[in-house]
């Protein structure tokens, strides 16, 4: 049975958190590579005009439904996606896995003070994992960075360069790296460092995190306009198929 379904021709995993963590752990134990990309309505709308990026994302091991609109689109098509899997929450779940299994992690991206604070908070909260190394997102010598990551022995690499830059970076470098799991985490280091506050739990639980962000950052309105366009396109696509 396939663990992937398509939303507007973009692959999205239908696994829940526990199934996903179990699959990731199996990849690490089997010394296999896997990459994780978060998918939301805004990104899917961008992919309608960017075939290169769509191909890259559709070739990822896990494309997680990071947006309530994705869940809604799946329901319309009688799909199996029952809840969101947000990038930051999966990042936290993977830190918990690394803590439980004593895995090594490497953090790459964000500003220097942000990644340093994030590392400090991770080491405090998850004493059994090893932060094998970290670098901010302003590294000039990429070959030196690749070498450092490989020397670190990290099994999980979290890349915070923003999308789609982080996806292209992972695609370009994964064959040179001995890492098992790659996750592009966007602004998650900002959250883990405490620099950015997450939406209150009620907003997250009801899938309204986007609305909270809009209230606190009105300049996001233009980006959020992708959501109604996405829903109209999904409805049209669903009617056409039926």
Protein backbone atom coordinates (compact mmCIF):
# COMPACT_ATOMS: atom_id res chain seq x y z
CA UNK A 1 0.00 0.00 0.00
CA UNK A 2 1.38 3.40 -1.01
CA UNK A 3 2.17 5.87 1.77
CA UNK A 4 1.98 8.77 -0.69
CA UNK A 5 -0.89 10.54 -2.38
CA UNK A 6 -0.98 13.44 -4.82
CA UNK A 7 -2.34 16.93 -4.25
CA UNK A 8 -2.35 18.91 -7.53
CA UNK A 9 0.32 16.54 -8.91
CA UNK A 10 2.58 16.95 -5.88
CA UNK A 11 3.47 13.91 -3.76
CA UNK A 12 2.47 14.15 -0.09
CA UNK A 13 3.11 11.46 2.53
CA UNK A 14 0.04 10.07 4.30
CA UNK A 15 2.01 8.70 7.27
CA UNK A 16 1.24 10.07 10.74
CA UNK A 17 3.94 11.23 13.18
CA UNK A 18 4.53 7.82 14.77
CA UNK A 19 4.70 5.99 11.42
CA UNK A 20 7.06 8.62 10.04
CA UNK A 21 9.40 8.49 13.05
CA UNK A 22 9.42 4.68 12.82
CA UNK A 23 10.28 4.87 9.09
CA UNK A 24 13.06 7.39 9.77
CA UNK A 25 14.52 5.18 12.49
CA UNK A 26 14.49 2.18 10.12
CA UNK A 27 16.41 4.24 7.55
CA UNK A 28 19.06 5.14 10.14
CA UNK A 29 19.34 1.56 11.39
CA UNK A 30 19.65 0.29 7.82
CA UNK A 31 22.24 3.01 7.04
CA UNK A 32 20.02 4.36 4.24
CA UNK A 33 19.51 7.96 3.19
CA UNK A 34 16.18 9.83 3.26
CA UNK A 35 15.18 13.46 2.89
CA UNK A 36 12.16 15.24 4.35
CA UNK A 37 10.47 18.24 2.74
CA UNK A 38 7.52 20.16 4.19
CA UNK A 39 4.66 20.88 1.77
CA UNK A 40 2.05 23.59 2.24
CA UNK A 41 -0.55 25.21 -0.09
CA UNK A 42 1.74 28.16 -0.84
CA UNK A 43 4.52 25.81 -1.93
CA UNK A 44 2.16 23.70 -4.05
CA UNK A 45 0.97 26.84 -5.86
CA UNK A 46 4.61 27.81 -6.54
CA UNK A 47 5.28 24.32 -7.91
CA UNK A 48 2.54 24.72 -10.53
CA UNK A 49 4.92 27.15 -12.30
CA UNK A 50 8.27 25.53 -11.40
CA UNK A 51 8.67 22.07 -12.93
CA UNK A 52 12.31 21.72 -11.84
CA UNK A 53 11.44 22.26 -8.18
CA UNK A 54 8.33 20.08 -8.50
CA UNK A 55 10.46 17.20 -9.82
CA UNK A 56 12.94 17.67 -6.99
CA UNK A 57 10.18 17.65 -4.34
CA UNK A 58 8.38 14.69 -5.92
CA UNK A 59 11.60 12.69 -5.70
CA UNK A 60 11.94 13.28 -1.92
CA UNK A 61 11.55 10.32 0.44
CA UNK A 62 9.01 12.06 2.67
CA UNK A 63 6.95 15.16 1.77
CA UNK A 64 5.04 16.11 4.89
CA UNK A 65 1.61 17.85 4.91
CA UNK A 66 2.56 21.08 6.69
CA UNK A 67 -0.70 22.96 6.19
CA UNK A 68 -4.38 22.50 7.01
CA UNK A 69 -5.19 23.14 3.33
CA UNK A 70 -3.34 19.93 2.40
CA UNK A 71 -5.45 17.92 4.85
CA UNK A 72 -8.61 19.49 3.41
CA UNK A 73 -7.52 18.68 -0.18
CA UNK A 74 -6.85 15.07 0.82
CA UNK A 75 -10.29 14.74 2.43
CA UNK A 76 -11.95 16.10 -0.74
CA UNK A 77 -10.26 13.34 -2.71
CA UNK A 78 -10.99 10.59 -0.15
CA UNK A 79 -7.30 10.48 0.73
CA UNK A 80 -5.62 9.16 3.88
CA UNK A 81 -3.99 12.34 5.22
CA UNK A 82 -5.77 12.90 8.52
CA UNK A 83 -3.67 15.60 10.18
CA UNK A 84 -0.88 18.10 9.59
CA UNK A 85 2.75 17.21 10.18
CA UNK A 86 4.49 20.53 10.69
CA UNK A 87 8.17 20.98 9.94
CA UNK A 88 9.00 22.33 13.39
CA UNK A 89 7.04 19.62 15.23
CA UNK A 90 8.70 16.89 13.18
CA UNK A 91 12.07 18.50 13.92
CA UNK A 92 11.25 18.27 17.64
CA UNK A 93 10.08 14.64 17.27
CA UNK A 94 13.36 13.80 15.51
CA UNK A 95 15.31 15.44 18.35
CA UNK A 96 13.36 13.21 20.75
CA UNK A 97 14.23 10.16 18.62
CA UNK A 98 17.91 11.18 18.58
CA UNK A 99 17.79 11.61 22.36
CA UNK A 100 16.19 8.20 22.85
CA UNK A 101 18.57 6.37 20.47
CA UNK A 102 21.65 8.50 21.26
CA UNK A 103 22.03 9.58 17.64
CA UNK A 104 24.32 12.40 16.49
CA UNK A 105 22.90 15.51 14.83
CA UNK A 106 24.31 18.46 12.87
CA UNK A 107 22.65 21.86 12.45
CA UNK A 108 23.35 24.07 9.43
CA UNK A 109 21.75 27.43 8.72
CA UNK A 110 20.27 30.60 10.25
CA UNK A 111 22.26 33.44 11.84
CA UNK A 112 25.23 32.66 14.07
CA UNK A 113 23.57 33.75 17.33
CA UNK A 114 20.37 31.87 16.43
CA UNK A 115 22.01 28.52 15.68
CA UNK A 116 24.23 28.87 18.78
CA UNK A 117 21.20 29.50 21.01
CA UNK A 118 19.33 26.62 19.35
CA UNK A 119 22.27 24.26 20.03
CA UNK A 120 22.42 25.38 23.68
CA UNK A 121 18.68 24.75 24.18
CA UNK A 122 18.84 21.37 22.42
CA UNK A 123 21.78 20.20 24.55
CA UNK A 124 19.94 21.28 27.70
CA UNK A 125 16.66 19.59 26.80
CA UNK A 126 18.02 16.45 25.10
CA UNK A 127 21.13 15.40 27.04
CA UNK A 128 21.43 11.94 25.45
CA UNK A 129 21.81 13.07 21.85
CA UNK A 130 25.09 14.49 20.56
CA UNK A 131 25.23 17.79 18.71
CA UNK A 132 28.15 16.66 16.55
CA UNK A 133 28.51 20.09 14.98
CA UNK A 134 26.81 23.21 13.71
CA UNK A 135 27.39 26.03 11.25
CA UNK A 136 25.43 29.20 10.50
CA UNK A 137 23.96 29.80 7.05
CA UNK A 138 26.76 32.11 5.89
CA UNK A 139 29.46 29.51 5.24
CA UNK A 140 31.64 30.44 2.27
CA UNK A 141 33.63 27.22 1.76
CA UNK A 142 31.07 24.51 0.99
CA UNK A 143 33.70 21.77 0.52
CA UNK A 144 35.00 22.45 4.03
CA UNK A 145 31.43 22.28 5.37
CA UNK A 146 30.79 18.92 3.66
CA UNK A 147 34.04 17.59 5.12
CA UNK A 148 33.12 18.83 8.62
CA UNK A 149 29.66 17.23 8.48
CA UNK A 150 31.16 13.91 7.34
CA UNK A 151 33.87 14.03 10.03
CA UNK A 152 31.21 14.68 12.68
CA UNK A 153 29.55 11.27 12.16
CA UNK A 154 26.08 12.88 12.33
CA UNK A 155 23.17 10.67 11.32
CA UNK A 156 20.66 13.54 11.11
CA UNK A 157 21.27 16.87 9.39
CA UNK A 158 18.87 19.79 9.84
CA UNK A 159 19.21 22.52 7.21
CA UNK A 160 17.70 25.96 7.84
CA UNK A 161 18.35 28.00 4.70
CA UNK A 162 14.75 28.82 3.80
CA UNK A 163 12.81 27.26 0.94
CA UNK A 164 13.63 26.39 -1.82
CA UNK A 165 17.32 27.12 -1.14
CA UNK A 166 17.55 24.36 1.52
CA UNK A 167 15.90 21.81 -0.81
CA UNK A 168 18.34 22.59 -3.62
CA UNK A 169 21.29 22.45 -1.18
CA UNK A 170 20.27 19.02 0.12
CA UNK A 171 19.67 17.67 -3.39
CA UNK A 172 23.05 18.95 -4.56
CA UNK A 173 25.04 17.62 -1.60
CA UNK A 174 23.35 14.50 -0.24
CA UNK A 175 25.42 12.12 -2.41
CA UNK A 176 28.63 13.65 -0.94
CA UNK A 177 27.43 13.26 2.66
CA UNK A 178 27.43 10.24 4.99
CA UNK A 179 24.29 11.53 6.73
CA UNK A 180 21.18 9.29 6.84
CA UNK A 181 18.39 11.83 7.36
CA UNK A 182 18.14 15.31 5.87
CA UNK A 183 15.38 17.71 6.89
CA UNK A 184 14.94 21.23 5.56
CA UNK A 185 13.56 23.05 8.58
CA UNK A 186 13.05 26.65 7.39
CA UNK A 187 12.72 28.94 10.40
CA UNK A 188 12.71 26.17 13.03
CA UNK A 189 16.07 27.20 14.53
CA UNK A 190 14.48 30.57 15.34
CA UNK A 191 11.74 28.75 17.27
CA UNK A 192 14.10 26.34 19.08
CA UNK A 193 16.43 29.22 19.99
CA UNK A 194 13.51 31.18 21.48
CA UNK A 195 14.00 34.06 19.02
CA UNK A 196 10.53 33.48 17.53
CA UNK A 197 7.47 32.48 19.54
CA UNK A 198 5.15 29.84 18.12
CA UNK A 199 1.41 30.31 17.86
CA UNK A 200 -0.48 29.38 21.06
CA UNK A 201 -1.43 25.70 21.30
CA UNK A 202 -5.10 26.29 20.47
CA UNK A 203 -4.20 27.90 17.11
CA UNK A 204 -1.82 25.00 16.32
CA UNK A 205 -4.32 22.31 17.32
CA UNK A 206 -7.11 23.78 15.18
CA UNK A 207 -4.85 24.29 12.16
CA UNK A 208 -5.05 28.09 12.45
CA UNK A 209 -1.34 28.74 13.00
CA UNK A 210 -1.32 30.57 9.64
CA UNK A 211 -4.04 32.92 10.93
CA UNK A 212 -2.07 33.68 14.11
CA UNK A 213 1.01 34.45 11.99
CA UNK A 214 -1.09 36.72 9.82
CA UNK A 215 -2.41 38.62 12.88
CA UNK A 216 1.10 39.05 14.29
CA UNK A 217 2.74 39.74 10.87
CA UNK A 218 0.18 41.51 8.59
CA UNK A 219 2.82 41.75 5.82
CA UNK A 220 2.32 38.00 5.29
CA UNK A 221 -1.11 38.73 3.72
CA UNK A 222 0.24 38.54 0.18
CA UNK A 223 1.70 35.10 0.86
CA UNK A 224 -1.47 33.90 2.55
CA UNK A 225 -3.51 34.75 -0.56
CA UNK A 226 -2.09 31.52 -2.00
CA UNK A 227 -4.47 29.57 0.29
CA UNK A 228 -7.82 30.58 -1.30
CA UNK A 229 -6.27 30.17 -4.79
CA UNK A 230 -5.07 26.71 -3.77
CA UNK A 231 -8.51 25.66 -2.45
CA UNK A 232 -10.27 26.88 -5.62
CA UNK A 233 -7.78 24.96 -7.76
CA UNK A 234 -8.24 21.80 -5.65
CA UNK A 235 -12.06 22.05 -5.92
CA UNK A 236 -11.86 22.52 -9.69
CA UNK A 237 -9.35 19.65 -10.01
CA UNK A 238 -11.56 17.36 -7.89
CA UNK A 239 -14.73 18.15 -9.92
CA UNK A 240 -12.86 17.52 -13.17
CA UNK A 241 -11.66 14.12 -11.95
CA UNK A 242 -15.16 13.08 -10.87
